[in-house]
Amino acid sequence: MNADQRFKALGLVLPPPPQPIGVYKPFLQIGNQVLVSGHGTFKPDGTLIYGRIGKDLDIEEGKIAARHVGLAIISTLIDNLGSLDRIERVVKVLGMVNCVPDFEKHPYIINGCSELFAEIWGEEKGIGVRSAVGMGSLPDNIPVEIEAAFLLKA
């Protein structure tokens, strides 16, 4: 199965592609690379998930929120590329977690997005390098923000 077929088989619903709320591009293609700006926790109806991990949301809710961010990124990719099959591989994921100061499981939260990418592009091409860090706050009090880089097929 290709990436589009795997995505369809998962039966997931995408949110609308997020629109910029500042001065930036949500998607930028440079040669055979695609950079996706930080995306938030959009649900399929376009509303946001709010809250801080360890205070308003537990660890499992945080992981689900990160999966929603992955779906928002996929929505942006499809909107700009037309097909997930144009992606050769995930290169890098940077996940930022809005959490209480003593929270230490940032990688577990960001796995929500990383596992989604692996389901779509497979473990070899769907898993890239990654950073997962905690933040004192994120815009609009969203629990997770993720940016990513992808390599396009030649």
N, C-alpha and C. Protein backbone atom coordinates (compact mmCIF):
# COMPACT_ATOMS: atom_id res chain seq x y z
N MET A 1 0.84 -1.20 0.00
CA MET A 1 0.00 0.00 0.00
C MET A 1 0.88 1.25 0.00
N ASN A 2 0.42 2.26 -0.70
CA ASN A 2 1.14 3.53 -0.67
C ASN A 2 0.60 4.39 0.48
N ALA A 3 1.19 5.56 0.68
CA ALA A 3 0.83 6.42 1.82
C ALA A 3 -0.63 6.86 1.76
N ASP A 4 -1.11 7.25 0.59
CA ASP A 4 -2.52 7.67 0.47
C ASP A 4 -3.46 6.52 0.83
N GLN A 5 -3.13 5.31 0.37
CA GLN A 5 -3.96 4.14 0.67
C GLN A 5 -3.93 3.80 2.16
N ARG A 6 -2.74 3.90 2.78
CA ARG A 6 -2.63 3.62 4.21
C ARG A 6 -3.44 4.64 5.01
N PHE A 7 -3.35 5.91 4.61
CA PHE A 7 -4.12 6.94 5.31
C PHE A 7 -5.61 6.66 5.20
N LYS A 8 -6.06 6.35 4.00
CA LYS A 8 -7.48 6.07 3.78
C LYS A 8 -7.93 4.86 4.60
N ALA A 9 -7.10 3.81 4.67
CA ALA A 9 -7.42 2.60 5.41
C ALA A 9 -7.56 2.86 6.91
N LEU A 10 -6.85 3.87 7.42
CA LEU A 10 -6.94 4.20 8.83
C LEU A 10 -8.28 4.85 9.19
N GLY A 11 -9.00 5.35 8.18
CA GLY A 11 -10.32 5.95 8.42
C GLY A 11 -10.29 7.23 9.23
N LEU A 12 -9.19 7.96 9.16
CA LEU A 12 -9.05 9.19 9.94
C LEU A 12 -9.71 10.37 9.24
N VAL A 13 -10.13 11.33 10.05
CA VAL A 13 -10.76 12.54 9.52
C VAL A 13 -9.80 13.71 9.76
N LEU A 14 -9.53 14.45 8.71
CA LEU A 14 -8.62 15.59 8.80
C LEU A 14 -9.35 16.86 9.19
N PRO A 15 -8.67 17.73 9.94
CA PRO A 15 -9.20 19.07 10.15
C PRO A 15 -8.95 19.87 8.88
N PRO A 16 -9.60 21.04 8.75
CA PRO A 16 -9.23 21.89 7.62
C PRO A 16 -7.78 22.35 7.79
N PRO A 17 -7.07 22.62 6.68
CA PRO A 17 -5.68 23.08 6.81
C PRO A 17 -5.65 24.36 7.65
N PRO A 18 -4.85 24.39 8.71
CA PRO A 18 -4.79 25.58 9.55
C PRO A 18 -4.27 26.79 8.77
N GLN A 19 -4.83 27.93 9.07
CA GLN A 19 -4.40 29.18 8.46
C GLN A 19 -3.46 29.92 9.40
N PRO A 20 -2.48 30.66 8.87
CA PRO A 20 -1.54 31.37 9.74
C PRO A 20 -2.25 32.36 10.67
N ILE A 21 -1.77 32.43 11.91
CA ILE A 21 -2.28 33.43 12.84
C ILE A 21 -1.19 34.45 13.16
N GLY A 22 -0.22 34.54 12.29
CA GLY A 22 0.88 35.48 12.43
C GLY A 22 1.53 35.66 11.07
N VAL A 23 2.73 36.20 11.07
CA VAL A 23 3.44 36.47 9.83
C VAL A 23 4.40 35.30 9.57
N TYR A 24 3.90 34.29 8.88
CA TYR A 24 4.69 33.12 8.52
C TYR A 24 3.94 32.31 7.47
N LYS A 25 4.65 31.36 6.87
CA LYS A 25 4.05 30.43 5.92
C LYS A 25 3.87 29.09 6.63
N PRO A 26 2.70 28.47 6.53
CA PRO A 26 2.53 27.16 7.17
C PRO A 26 3.27 26.04 6.42
N PHE A 27 3.62 26.29 5.15
CA PHE A 27 4.22 25.28 4.28
C PHE A 27 5.22 25.98 3.39
N LEU A 28 6.42 25.41 3.29
CA LEU A 28 7.43 25.99 2.40
C LEU A 28 8.20 24.85 1.74
N GLN A 29 8.20 24.86 0.41
CA GLN A 29 8.96 23.88 -0.35
C GLN A 29 10.22 24.54 -0.87
N ILE A 30 11.36 23.91 -0.58
CA ILE A 30 12.66 24.38 -1.06
C ILE A 30 13.31 23.19 -1.75
N GLY A 31 13.30 23.20 -3.07
CA GLY A 31 13.83 22.06 -3.82
C GLY A 31 13.03 20.82 -3.49
N ASN A 32 13.72 19.78 -3.02
CA ASN A 32 13.02 18.53 -2.71
C ASN A 32 12.72 18.39 -1.21
N GLN A 33 12.74 19.51 -0.50
CA GLN A 33 12.41 19.49 0.92
C GLN A 33 11.16 20.31 1.19
N VAL A 34 10.38 19.86 2.16
CA VAL A 34 9.20 20.59 2.61
C VAL A 34 9.35 20.84 4.10
N LEU A 35 9.15 22.08 4.48
CA LEU A 35 9.14 22.47 5.89
C LEU A 35 7.72 22.88 6.25
N VAL A 36 7.25 22.39 7.38
CA VAL A 36 5.91 22.72 7.85
C VAL A 36 6.07 23.45 9.18
N SER A 37 5.52 24.67 9.25
CA SER A 37 5.58 25.46 10.48
C SER A 37 4.88 24.75 11.62
N GLY A 38 5.10 25.25 12.81
CA GLY A 38 4.44 24.70 13.98
C GLY A 38 2.94 24.66 13.81
N HIS A 39 2.35 23.50 14.02
CA HIS A 39 0.90 23.30 13.94
C HIS A 39 0.37 23.01 15.33
N GLY A 40 -0.87 23.40 15.56
CA GLY A 40 -1.51 23.18 16.85
C GLY A 40 -2.47 22.02 16.82
N THR A 41 -3.21 21.91 17.91
CA THR A 41 -4.05 20.75 18.19
C THR A 41 -5.46 20.92 17.63
N PHE A 42 -5.57 20.93 16.32
CA PHE A 42 -6.87 21.09 15.66
C PHE A 42 -7.64 19.78 15.61
N LYS A 43 -8.90 19.84 15.99
CA LYS A 43 -9.80 18.70 15.88
C LYS A 43 -10.42 18.72 14.48
N PRO A 44 -11.07 17.63 14.06
CA PRO A 44 -11.66 17.59 12.71
C PRO A 44 -12.63 18.73 12.41
N ASP A 45 -13.28 19.28 13.44
CA ASP A 45 -14.21 20.40 13.20
C ASP A 45 -13.51 21.75 13.15
N GLY A 46 -12.18 21.76 13.26
CA GLY A 46 -11.41 22.99 13.17
C GLY A 46 -11.20 23.70 14.50
N THR A 47 -11.81 23.21 15.57
CA THR A 47 -11.59 23.82 16.88
C THR A 47 -10.30 23.26 17.49
N LEU A 48 -9.82 23.96 18.50
CA LEU A 48 -8.57 23.58 19.14
C LEU A 48 -8.81 22.80 20.43
N ILE A 49 -7.85 21.95 20.76
CA ILE A 49 -7.78 21.34 22.09
C ILE A 49 -6.95 22.30 22.93
N TYR A 50 -7.39 22.58 24.14
CA TYR A 50 -6.69 23.51 25.03
C TYR A 50 -6.24 22.80 26.30
N GLY A 51 -5.24 23.37 26.95
CA GLY A 51 -4.84 22.92 28.27
C GLY A 51 -3.38 22.54 28.38
N ARG A 52 -2.94 22.48 29.62
CA ARG A 52 -1.56 22.14 29.96
C ARG A 52 -1.50 20.70 30.44
N ILE A 53 -0.52 19.96 29.91
CA ILE A 53 -0.33 18.57 30.32
C ILE A 53 0.14 18.55 31.78
N GLY A 54 -0.50 17.70 32.57
CA GLY A 54 -0.18 17.60 33.99
C GLY A 54 -1.04 18.47 34.86
N LYS A 55 -1.84 19.34 34.23
CA LYS A 55 -2.77 20.19 34.97
C LYS A 55 -4.19 20.00 34.43
N ASP A 56 -4.38 20.32 33.16
CA ASP A 56 -5.70 20.25 32.53
C ASP A 56 -5.91 18.94 31.77
N LEU A 57 -4.83 18.36 31.29
CA LEU A 57 -4.88 17.13 30.50
C LEU A 57 -3.91 16.12 31.08
N ASP A 58 -4.28 14.83 31.04
CA ASP A 58 -3.35 13.80 31.50
C ASP A 58 -2.45 13.38 30.33
N ILE A 59 -1.56 12.47 30.59
CA ILE A 59 -0.55 12.05 29.60
C ILE A 59 -1.20 11.42 28.36
N GLU A 60 -2.25 10.62 28.55
CA GLU A 60 -2.92 10.00 27.39
C GLU A 60 -3.66 11.03 26.56
N GLU A 61 -4.29 12.00 27.20
CA GLU A 61 -4.96 13.08 26.46
C GLU A 61 -3.93 13.91 25.70
N GLY A 62 -2.74 14.09 26.28
CA GLY A 62 -1.67 14.80 25.59
C GLY A 62 -1.20 14.07 24.35
N LYS A 63 -1.07 12.74 24.46
CA LYS A 63 -0.65 11.94 23.31
C LYS A 63 -1.69 12.02 22.20
N ILE A 64 -2.96 11.98 22.56
CA ILE A 64 -4.05 12.13 21.57
C ILE A 64 -3.98 13.51 20.93
N ALA A 65 -3.70 14.54 21.73
CA ALA A 65 -3.57 15.89 21.19
C ALA A 65 -2.44 15.95 20.16
N ALA A 66 -1.33 15.28 20.45
CA ALA A 66 -0.21 15.25 19.49
C ALA A 66 -0.61 14.54 18.20
N ARG A 67 -1.44 13.52 18.29
CA ARG A 67 -1.93 12.84 17.09
C ARG A 67 -2.79 13.82 16.26
N HIS A 68 -3.59 14.62 16.94
CA HIS A 68 -4.38 15.64 16.24
C HIS A 68 -3.47 16.64 15.52
N VAL A 69 -2.35 16.99 16.15
CA VAL A 69 -1.40 17.88 15.47
C VAL A 69 -0.86 17.20 14.21
N GLY A 70 -0.54 15.93 14.30
CA GLY A 70 -0.09 15.19 13.12
C GLY A 70 -1.11 15.23 12.01
N LEU A 71 -2.38 15.11 12.36
CA LEU A 71 -3.45 15.18 11.35
C LEU A 71 -3.53 16.57 10.74
N ALA A 72 -3.31 17.61 11.53
CA ALA A 72 -3.30 18.98 10.99
C ALA A 72 -2.14 19.15 10.01
N ILE A 73 -0.98 18.58 10.35
CA ILE A 73 0.17 18.64 9.44
C ILE A 73 -0.15 17.91 8.14
N ILE A 74 -0.75 16.75 8.24
CA ILE A 74 -1.14 15.99 7.05
C ILE A 74 -2.12 16.79 6.20
N SER A 75 -3.05 17.48 6.84
CA SER A 75 -4.00 18.32 6.11
C SER A 75 -3.27 19.39 5.31
N THR A 76 -2.27 20.01 5.92
CA THR A 76 -1.46 21.02 5.23
C THR A 76 -0.69 20.40 4.07
N LEU A 77 -0.12 19.21 4.29
CA LEU A 77 0.62 18.55 3.21
C LEU A 77 -0.28 18.23 2.03
N ILE A 78 -1.44 17.66 2.28
CA ILE A 78 -2.36 17.32 1.19
C ILE A 78 -2.84 18.57 0.48
N ASP A 79 -3.12 19.63 1.24
CA ASP A 79 -3.58 20.89 0.65
C ASP A 79 -2.54 21.47 -0.31
N ASN A 80 -1.27 21.31 0.03
CA ASN A 80 -0.21 21.90 -0.79
C ASN A 80 0.41 20.95 -1.81
N LEU A 81 0.42 19.66 -1.51
CA LEU A 81 1.05 18.70 -2.41
C LEU A 81 0.04 17.87 -3.21
N GLY A 82 -1.18 17.79 -2.73
CA GLY A 82 -2.21 17.00 -3.41
C GLY A 82 -2.23 15.54 -3.02
N SER A 83 -1.09 15.01 -2.56
CA SER A 83 -1.00 13.58 -2.25
C SER A 83 0.12 13.33 -1.24
N LEU A 84 -0.15 12.44 -0.30
CA LEU A 84 0.90 12.04 0.65
C LEU A 84 1.95 11.17 -0.02
N ASP A 85 1.64 10.63 -1.19
CA ASP A 85 2.59 9.80 -1.93
C ASP A 85 3.75 10.61 -2.49
N ARG A 86 3.66 11.92 -2.48
CA ARG A 86 4.78 12.74 -2.95
C ARG A 86 5.90 12.80 -1.91
N ILE A 87 5.60 12.40 -0.69
CA ILE A 87 6.59 12.42 0.39
C ILE A 87 7.46 11.16 0.32
N GLU A 88 8.76 11.34 0.26
CA GLU A 88 9.71 10.22 0.29
C GLU A 88 9.90 9.73 1.72
N ARG A 89 10.08 10.70 2.65
CA ARG A 89 10.29 10.32 4.04
C ARG A 89 10.11 11.51 4.98
N VAL A 90 9.83 11.21 6.23
CA VAL A 90 9.85 12.19 7.31
C VAL A 90 11.32 12.40 7.66
N VAL A 91 11.75 13.65 7.72
CA VAL A 91 13.14 13.95 8.05
C VAL A 91 13.27 14.32 9.53
N LYS A 92 12.44 15.26 9.99
CA LYS A 92 12.59 15.79 11.36
C LYS A 92 11.24 16.20 11.91
N VAL A 93 11.06 15.93 13.19
CA VAL A 93 9.89 16.39 13.93
C VAL A 93 10.39 17.11 15.18
N LEU A 94 9.88 18.31 15.41
CA LEU A 94 10.16 19.04 16.65
C LEU A 94 8.83 19.20 17.38
N GLY A 95 8.70 18.56 18.53
CA GLY A 95 7.48 18.61 19.31
C GLY A 95 7.67 19.42 20.57
N MET A 96 6.75 20.36 20.79
CA MET A 96 6.78 21.22 21.97
C MET A 96 5.54 20.93 22.81
N VAL A 97 5.75 20.65 24.09
CA VAL A 97 4.68 20.25 24.99
C VAL A 97 4.47 21.33 26.05
N ASN A 98 3.24 21.85 26.12
CA ASN A 98 2.85 22.81 27.14
C ASN A 98 2.53 22.00 28.40
N CYS A 99 3.42 22.08 29.39
CA CYS A 99 3.27 21.18 30.54
C CYS A 99 3.67 21.87 31.84
N VAL A 100 3.30 21.22 32.93
CA VAL A 100 3.71 21.70 34.25
C VAL A 100 5.22 21.52 34.38
N PRO A 101 5.88 22.31 35.24
CA PRO A 101 7.35 22.27 35.32
C PRO A 101 7.96 20.91 35.64
N ASP A 102 7.27 20.07 36.40
CA ASP A 102 7.88 18.79 36.77
C ASP A 102 7.51 17.64 35.83
N PHE A 103 6.86 17.94 34.71
CA PHE A 103 6.51 16.91 33.73
C PHE A 103 7.77 16.46 33.00
N GLU A 104 7.94 15.14 32.81
CA GLU A 104 9.17 14.62 32.22
C GLU A 104 8.96 13.67 31.05
N LYS A 105 7.74 13.50 30.59
CA LYS A 105 7.45 12.48 29.57
C LYS A 105 7.14 13.11 28.20
N HIS A 106 7.88 14.14 27.86
CA HIS A 106 7.65 14.84 26.58
C HIS A 106 7.71 13.90 25.38
N PRO A 107 8.71 12.99 25.30
CA PRO A 107 8.75 12.08 24.15
C PRO A 107 7.50 11.22 24.02
N TYR A 108 6.94 10.78 25.15
CA TYR A 108 5.73 9.97 25.11
C TYR A 108 4.58 10.74 24.46
N ILE A 109 4.45 12.00 24.80
CA ILE A 109 3.39 12.84 24.22
C ILE A 109 3.58 12.94 22.71
N ILE A 110 4.78 13.28 22.27
CA ILE A 110 5.04 13.51 20.84
C ILE A 110 4.95 12.21 20.05
N ASN A 111 5.05 11.05 20.72
CA ASN A 111 4.82 9.78 20.03
C ASN A 111 3.45 9.75 19.36
N GLY A 112 2.47 10.50 19.86
CA GLY A 112 1.16 10.54 19.23
C GLY A 112 1.25 10.94 17.76
N CYS A 113 2.10 11.90 17.46
CA CYS A 113 2.32 12.32 16.07
C CYS A 113 3.26 11.36 15.35
N SER A 114 4.36 10.99 16.00
CA SER A 114 5.35 10.12 15.36
C SER A 114 4.76 8.76 14.98
N GLU A 115 3.93 8.21 15.85
CA GLU A 115 3.30 6.93 15.54
C GLU A 115 2.36 7.05 14.35
N LEU A 116 1.65 8.18 14.24
CA LEU A 116 0.78 8.42 13.09
C LEU A 116 1.59 8.44 11.80
N PHE A 117 2.69 9.19 11.80
CA PHE A 117 3.53 9.26 10.61
C PHE A 117 4.07 7.88 10.23
N ALA A 118 4.45 7.08 11.23
CA ALA A 118 4.94 5.72 10.96
C ALA A 118 3.84 4.85 10.38
N GLU A 119 2.60 5.03 10.82
CA GLU A 119 1.48 4.27 10.27
C GLU A 119 1.26 4.62 8.79
N ILE A 120 1.49 5.84 8.43
CA ILE A 120 1.22 6.30 7.06
C ILE A 120 2.37 5.99 6.11
N TRP A 121 3.60 6.30 6.52
CA TRP A 121 4.75 6.13 5.62
C TRP A 121 5.58 4.90 5.95
N GLY A 122 5.19 4.13 6.95
CA GLY A 122 5.96 2.96 7.37
C GLY A 122 7.08 3.35 8.31
N GLU A 123 7.60 2.37 9.04
CA GLU A 123 8.61 2.67 10.05
C GLU A 123 9.92 3.17 9.44
N GLU A 124 10.30 2.67 8.29
CA GLU A 124 11.56 3.09 7.68
C GLU A 124 11.51 4.55 7.21
N LYS A 125 10.43 4.94 6.58
CA LYS A 125 10.35 6.29 6.01
C LYS A 125 9.49 7.25 6.83
N GLY A 126 8.71 6.73 7.75
CA GLY A 126 7.82 7.57 8.55
C GLY A 126 8.40 8.05 9.85
N ILE A 127 9.59 7.55 10.19
CA ILE A 127 10.25 7.96 11.42
C ILE A 127 11.56 8.64 11.07
N GLY A 128 11.66 9.91 11.46
CA GLY A 128 12.87 10.68 11.22
C GLY A 128 13.54 11.02 12.54
N VAL A 129 14.46 11.96 12.51
CA VAL A 129 15.05 12.45 13.75
C VAL A 129 14.00 13.30 14.46
N ARG A 130 14.16 13.47 15.78
CA ARG A 130 13.10 14.15 16.52
C ARG A 130 13.63 14.78 17.79
N SER A 131 12.99 15.87 18.17
CA SER A 131 13.19 16.48 19.47
C SER A 131 11.83 16.65 20.11
N ALA A 132 11.77 16.44 21.42
CA ALA A 132 10.53 16.63 22.18
C ALA A 132 10.89 17.40 23.43
N VAL A 133 10.36 18.60 23.55
CA VAL A 133 10.74 19.48 24.66
C VAL A 133 9.51 20.04 25.36
N GLY A 134 9.70 20.41 26.61
CA GLY A 134 8.64 21.03 27.40
C GLY A 134 8.72 22.54 27.32
N MET A 135 7.56 23.17 27.36
CA MET A 135 7.45 24.62 27.31
C MET A 135 6.60 25.11 28.49
N GLY A 136 6.89 26.32 28.92
CA GLY A 136 6.09 26.93 29.98
C GLY A 136 4.72 27.36 29.50
N SER A 137 4.59 27.60 28.20
CA SER A 137 3.29 27.93 27.60
C SER A 137 3.41 27.77 26.09
N LEU A 138 2.27 27.67 25.45
CA LEU A 138 2.19 27.65 23.99
C LEU A 138 1.04 28.57 23.59
N PRO A 139 1.00 29.02 22.33
CA PRO A 139 -0.04 29.95 21.89
C PRO A 139 -1.46 29.45 22.23
N ASP A 140 -2.28 30.34 22.72
CA ASP A 140 -3.69 30.05 23.04
C ASP A 140 -3.85 28.92 24.05
N ASN A 141 -2.79 28.57 24.78
CA ASN A 141 -2.82 27.50 25.77
C ASN A 141 -3.10 26.13 25.14
N ILE A 142 -2.62 25.91 23.91
CA ILE A 142 -2.73 24.58 23.31
C ILE A 142 -1.72 23.67 24.00
N PRO A 143 -2.01 22.35 24.08
CA PRO A 143 -1.10 21.46 24.79
C PRO A 143 0.13 21.03 24.00
N VAL A 144 0.07 21.07 22.68
CA VAL A 144 1.16 20.57 21.84
C VAL A 144 1.27 21.42 20.58
N GLU A 145 2.50 21.70 20.18
CA GLU A 145 2.78 22.30 18.88
C GLU A 145 3.90 21.50 18.25
N ILE A 146 3.76 21.21 16.96
CA ILE A 146 4.77 20.40 16.27
C ILE A 146 5.08 21.01 14.91
N GLU A 147 6.38 21.06 14.60
CA GLU A 147 6.81 21.41 13.25
C GLU A 147 7.55 20.22 12.68
N ALA A 148 7.62 20.16 11.35
CA ALA A 148 8.23 18.98 10.72
C ALA A 148 8.89 19.32 9.40
N ALA A 149 9.81 18.44 9.01
CA ALA A 149 10.49 18.56 7.71
C ALA A 149 10.35 17.21 7.00
N PHE A 150 10.15 17.29 5.68
CA PHE A 150 9.93 16.09 4.86
C PHE A 150 10.79 16.18 3.61
N LEU A 151 11.15 15.03 3.07
CA LEU A 151 11.87 14.94 1.81
C LEU A 151 10.88 14.47 0.75
N LEU A 152 10.85 15.15 -0.38
CA LEU A 152 9.96 14.78 -1.48
C LEU A 152 10.64 13.74 -2.38
N LYS A 153 9.81 12.93 -3.02
CA LYS A 153 10.33 11.99 -4.00
C LYS A 153 10.88 12.75 -5.19
N ALA A 154 11.91 12.19 -5.78
CA ALA A 154 12.55 12.83 -6.95
C ALA A 154 11.64 12.76 -8.16
